[in-house]
């Protein structure tokens, strides 16, 4: 496997869309390198794996428990 992946290759590797990868990079949620331009982004598989691991426990906990996120009011308060 290649050392450095493009955004398209990273998205395929992670099983998400290219937009998801771009958004994660923009929000600095996933480690990446920018090469000579705004859109020239490269990622390593280890960085992608770490990003996925950080998101996996939340999703797994909700699926296993069967409890979605608590409902909130318009002001962000938890509903009874």
N, C-alpha and C. Protein backbone atom coordinates (compact mmCIF):
# COMPACT_ATOMS: atom_id res chain seq x y z
N UNK A 1 0.84 -1.18 0.00
CA UNK A 1 0.00 0.00 0.00
C UNK A 1 0.89 1.25 0.00
N UNK A 2 0.36 2.32 -0.59
CA UNK A 2 1.10 3.58 -0.66
C UNK A 2 1.24 4.20 0.73
N UNK A 3 2.31 4.96 0.91
CA UNK A 3 2.55 5.66 2.17
C UNK A 3 1.60 6.83 2.33
N UNK A 4 1.43 7.61 1.28
CA UNK A 4 0.58 8.80 1.30
C UNK A 4 -0.61 8.59 0.38
N UNK A 5 -1.81 8.90 0.88
CA UNK A 5 -3.03 8.75 0.11
C UNK A 5 -3.62 10.10 -0.25
N UNK A 6 -4.24 10.18 -1.41
CA UNK A 6 -4.99 11.37 -1.79
C UNK A 6 -6.31 11.38 -1.01
N UNK A 7 -7.06 12.45 -1.13
CA UNK A 7 -8.36 12.53 -0.46
C UNK A 7 -9.29 11.43 -0.99
N UNK A 8 -9.30 11.24 -2.29
CA UNK A 8 -10.16 10.20 -2.88
C UNK A 8 -9.77 8.81 -2.37
N UNK A 9 -8.49 8.54 -2.34
CA UNK A 9 -8.02 7.24 -1.85
C UNK A 9 -8.31 7.08 -0.35
N UNK A 10 -8.17 8.17 0.39
CA UNK A 10 -8.46 8.14 1.83
C UNK A 10 -9.93 7.87 2.09
N UNK A 11 -10.79 8.51 1.30
CA UNK A 11 -12.23 8.30 1.44
C UNK A 11 -12.60 6.85 1.15
N UNK A 12 -12.01 6.30 0.11
CA UNK A 12 -12.27 4.89 -0.21
C UNK A 12 -11.77 3.99 0.91
N UNK A 13 -10.59 4.25 1.41
CA UNK A 13 -10.00 3.47 2.50
C UNK A 13 -10.89 3.50 3.74
N UNK A 14 -11.42 4.69 4.07
CA UNK A 14 -12.22 4.85 5.29
C UNK A 14 -13.69 4.47 5.08
N UNK A 15 -14.11 4.37 3.82
CA UNK A 15 -15.51 4.05 3.55
C UNK A 15 -16.43 5.24 3.75
N UNK A 16 -15.91 6.44 3.49
CA UNK A 16 -16.70 7.67 3.61
C UNK A 16 -16.57 8.47 2.32
N UNK A 17 -17.27 9.58 2.25
CA UNK A 17 -17.19 10.41 1.04
C UNK A 17 -15.96 11.30 1.09
N UNK A 18 -15.59 11.83 -0.06
CA UNK A 18 -14.48 12.79 -0.12
C UNK A 18 -14.81 14.03 0.69
N UNK A 19 -16.07 14.46 0.63
CA UNK A 19 -16.48 15.64 1.40
C UNK A 19 -16.27 15.42 2.90
N UNK A 20 -16.49 14.22 3.37
CA UNK A 20 -16.28 13.91 4.79
C UNK A 20 -14.82 14.07 5.16
N UNK A 21 -13.94 13.61 4.29
CA UNK A 21 -12.50 13.76 4.54
C UNK A 21 -12.11 15.23 4.52
N UNK A 22 -12.59 15.98 3.51
CA UNK A 22 -12.28 17.41 3.44
C UNK A 22 -12.78 18.13 4.69
N UNK A 23 -13.98 17.82 5.13
CA UNK A 23 -14.55 18.47 6.31
C UNK A 23 -13.74 18.13 7.55
N UNK A 24 -13.35 16.88 7.71
CA UNK A 24 -12.55 16.47 8.87
C UNK A 24 -11.20 17.18 8.87
N UNK A 25 -10.62 17.36 7.70
CA UNK A 25 -9.35 18.09 7.61
C UNK A 25 -9.56 19.56 7.96
N UNK A 26 -10.61 20.14 7.42
CA UNK A 26 -10.91 21.55 7.68
C UNK A 26 -11.14 21.81 9.16
N UNK A 27 -11.81 20.88 9.83
CA UNK A 27 -12.10 21.01 11.26
C UNK A 27 -10.92 20.56 12.14
N UNK A 28 -9.86 20.11 11.48
CA UNK A 28 -8.67 19.60 12.16
C UNK A 28 -8.98 18.39 13.06
N UNK A 29 -9.93 17.58 12.60
CA UNK A 29 -10.28 16.34 13.29
C UNK A 29 -9.36 15.20 12.89
N UNK A 30 -8.78 15.32 11.71
CA UNK A 30 -7.92 14.26 11.19
C UNK A 30 -6.59 14.88 10.79
N UNK A 31 -5.53 14.23 11.15
CA UNK A 31 -4.20 14.72 10.81
C UNK A 31 -3.99 14.58 9.31
N UNK A 32 -3.37 15.59 8.70
CA UNK A 32 -3.14 15.58 7.26
C UNK A 32 -2.00 16.52 6.92
N UNK A 33 -1.54 16.42 5.68
CA UNK A 33 -0.50 17.31 5.16
C UNK A 33 -1.04 18.00 3.92
N UNK A 34 -0.81 19.30 3.84
CA UNK A 34 -1.20 20.06 2.65
C UNK A 34 0.04 20.28 1.79
N UNK A 35 -0.09 19.98 0.52
CA UNK A 35 1.04 20.07 -0.41
C UNK A 35 0.76 21.17 -1.42
N UNK A 36 1.55 22.22 -1.39
CA UNK A 36 1.56 23.28 -2.41
C UNK A 36 0.19 23.66 -2.95
N UNK A 37 -0.73 23.89 -2.10
CA UNK A 37 -2.04 24.33 -2.56
C UNK A 37 -3.14 23.98 -1.59
N UNK A 38 -4.25 24.61 -1.77
CA UNK A 38 -5.36 24.46 -0.85
C UNK A 38 -5.97 23.06 -0.87
N UNK A 39 -6.08 22.47 -2.05
CA UNK A 39 -6.75 21.18 -2.17
C UNK A 39 -5.79 19.98 -2.22
N UNK A 40 -4.51 20.24 -2.27
CA UNK A 40 -3.55 19.14 -2.35
C UNK A 40 -3.28 18.60 -0.94
N UNK A 41 -4.11 17.66 -0.54
CA UNK A 41 -4.03 17.09 0.81
C UNK A 41 -3.59 15.64 0.70
N UNK A 42 -2.72 15.23 1.61
CA UNK A 42 -2.27 13.83 1.67
C UNK A 42 -2.44 13.33 3.10
N UNK A 43 -2.82 12.06 3.22
CA UNK A 43 -3.03 11.45 4.52
C UNK A 43 -2.33 10.10 4.57
N UNK A 44 -2.00 9.68 5.76
CA UNK A 44 -1.43 8.35 5.98
C UNK A 44 -2.53 7.44 6.54
N UNK A 45 -2.43 6.17 6.24
CA UNK A 45 -3.46 5.24 6.71
C UNK A 45 -3.56 5.22 8.24
N UNK A 46 -2.45 5.36 8.92
CA UNK A 46 -2.46 5.38 10.38
C UNK A 46 -3.26 6.55 10.93
N UNK A 47 -3.17 7.70 10.27
CA UNK A 47 -3.92 8.88 10.69
C UNK A 47 -5.42 8.66 10.48
N UNK A 48 -5.76 8.01 9.39
CA UNK A 48 -7.17 7.71 9.10
C UNK A 48 -7.71 6.72 10.12
N UNK A 49 -6.92 5.68 10.42
CA UNK A 49 -7.33 4.69 11.41
C UNK A 49 -7.57 5.34 12.77
N UNK A 50 -6.67 6.23 13.18
CA UNK A 50 -6.82 6.92 14.48
C UNK A 50 -8.09 7.76 14.50
N UNK A 51 -8.38 8.45 13.40
CA UNK A 51 -9.59 9.26 13.31
C UNK A 51 -10.84 8.39 13.41
N UNK A 52 -10.83 7.27 12.71
CA UNK A 52 -11.97 6.35 12.77
C UNK A 52 -12.15 5.79 14.17
N UNK A 53 -11.06 5.44 14.84
CA UNK A 53 -11.14 4.90 16.20
C UNK A 53 -11.75 5.91 17.17
N UNK A 54 -11.40 7.19 17.00
CA UNK A 54 -11.96 8.22 17.88
C UNK A 54 -13.47 8.35 17.72
N UNK A 55 -13.98 8.04 16.54
CA UNK A 55 -15.41 8.15 16.29
C UNK A 55 -16.16 6.85 16.54
N UNK A 56 -15.49 5.73 16.52
CA UNK A 56 -16.14 4.43 16.65
C UNK A 56 -16.80 4.20 18.01
N UNK A 57 -16.17 4.50 19.14
CA UNK A 57 -16.80 4.19 20.43
C UNK A 57 -18.16 4.88 20.61
N UNK A 58 -18.31 6.12 20.18
CA UNK A 58 -19.58 6.83 20.32
C UNK A 58 -20.67 6.11 19.53
N UNK A 59 -20.38 5.80 18.29
CA UNK A 59 -21.36 5.15 17.44
C UNK A 59 -21.70 3.76 17.96
N UNK A 60 -20.70 3.02 18.40
CA UNK A 60 -20.94 1.67 18.92
C UNK A 60 -21.78 1.71 20.18
N UNK A 61 -21.50 2.62 21.08
CA UNK A 61 -22.25 2.71 22.34
C UNK A 61 -23.73 2.97 22.06
N UNK A 62 -24.04 3.84 21.13
CA UNK A 62 -25.44 4.14 20.81
C UNK A 62 -26.12 2.93 20.18
N UNK A 63 -25.40 2.21 19.28
CA UNK A 63 -26.01 1.04 18.63
C UNK A 63 -26.25 -0.08 19.63
N UNK A 64 -25.29 -0.32 20.51
CA UNK A 64 -25.39 -1.43 21.46
C UNK A 64 -26.49 -1.17 22.47
N UNK A 65 -26.52 0.04 23.03
CA UNK A 65 -27.50 0.35 24.07
C UNK A 65 -28.89 0.56 23.50
N UNK A 66 -28.97 0.90 22.21
CA UNK A 66 -30.26 1.17 21.61
C UNK A 66 -30.80 2.53 22.00
N UNK A 67 -30.01 3.31 22.71
CA UNK A 67 -30.44 4.64 23.13
C UNK A 67 -29.85 5.69 22.20
N UNK A 68 -30.71 6.41 21.48
CA UNK A 68 -30.19 7.50 20.67
C UNK A 68 -29.77 8.64 21.59
N UNK A 69 -29.21 9.67 21.01
CA UNK A 69 -28.86 10.84 21.81
C UNK A 69 -30.10 11.39 22.48
N UNK A 70 -29.98 11.94 23.69
CA UNK A 70 -31.16 12.46 24.37
C UNK A 70 -31.79 13.61 23.59
N UNK A 71 -33.11 13.66 23.61
CA UNK A 71 -33.82 14.73 22.93
C UNK A 71 -33.63 16.02 23.71
N UNK A 72 -33.57 17.11 22.98
CA UNK A 72 -33.36 18.41 23.62
C UNK A 72 -34.43 19.39 23.17
N UNK A 73 -34.60 20.43 23.96
CA UNK A 73 -35.52 21.50 23.58
C UNK A 73 -34.78 22.44 22.64
N UNK A 74 -35.47 23.45 22.15
CA UNK A 74 -34.85 24.42 21.25
C UNK A 74 -33.68 25.15 21.92
N UNK A 75 -33.73 25.29 23.24
CA UNK A 75 -32.68 25.99 23.96
C UNK A 75 -31.54 25.05 24.34
N UNK A 76 -31.60 23.78 23.91
CA UNK A 76 -30.52 22.84 24.17
C UNK A 76 -30.63 22.11 25.49
N UNK A 77 -31.76 22.27 26.19
CA UNK A 77 -31.94 21.58 27.47
C UNK A 77 -32.50 20.19 27.23
N UNK A 78 -32.11 19.24 28.06
CA UNK A 78 -32.59 17.87 27.92
C UNK A 78 -34.09 17.82 28.23
N UNK A 79 -34.82 17.09 27.40
CA UNK A 79 -36.25 16.91 27.67
C UNK A 79 -36.43 15.84 28.72
N UNK A 80 -37.47 15.98 29.54
CA UNK A 80 -37.73 14.98 30.59
C UNK A 80 -38.15 13.64 30.02
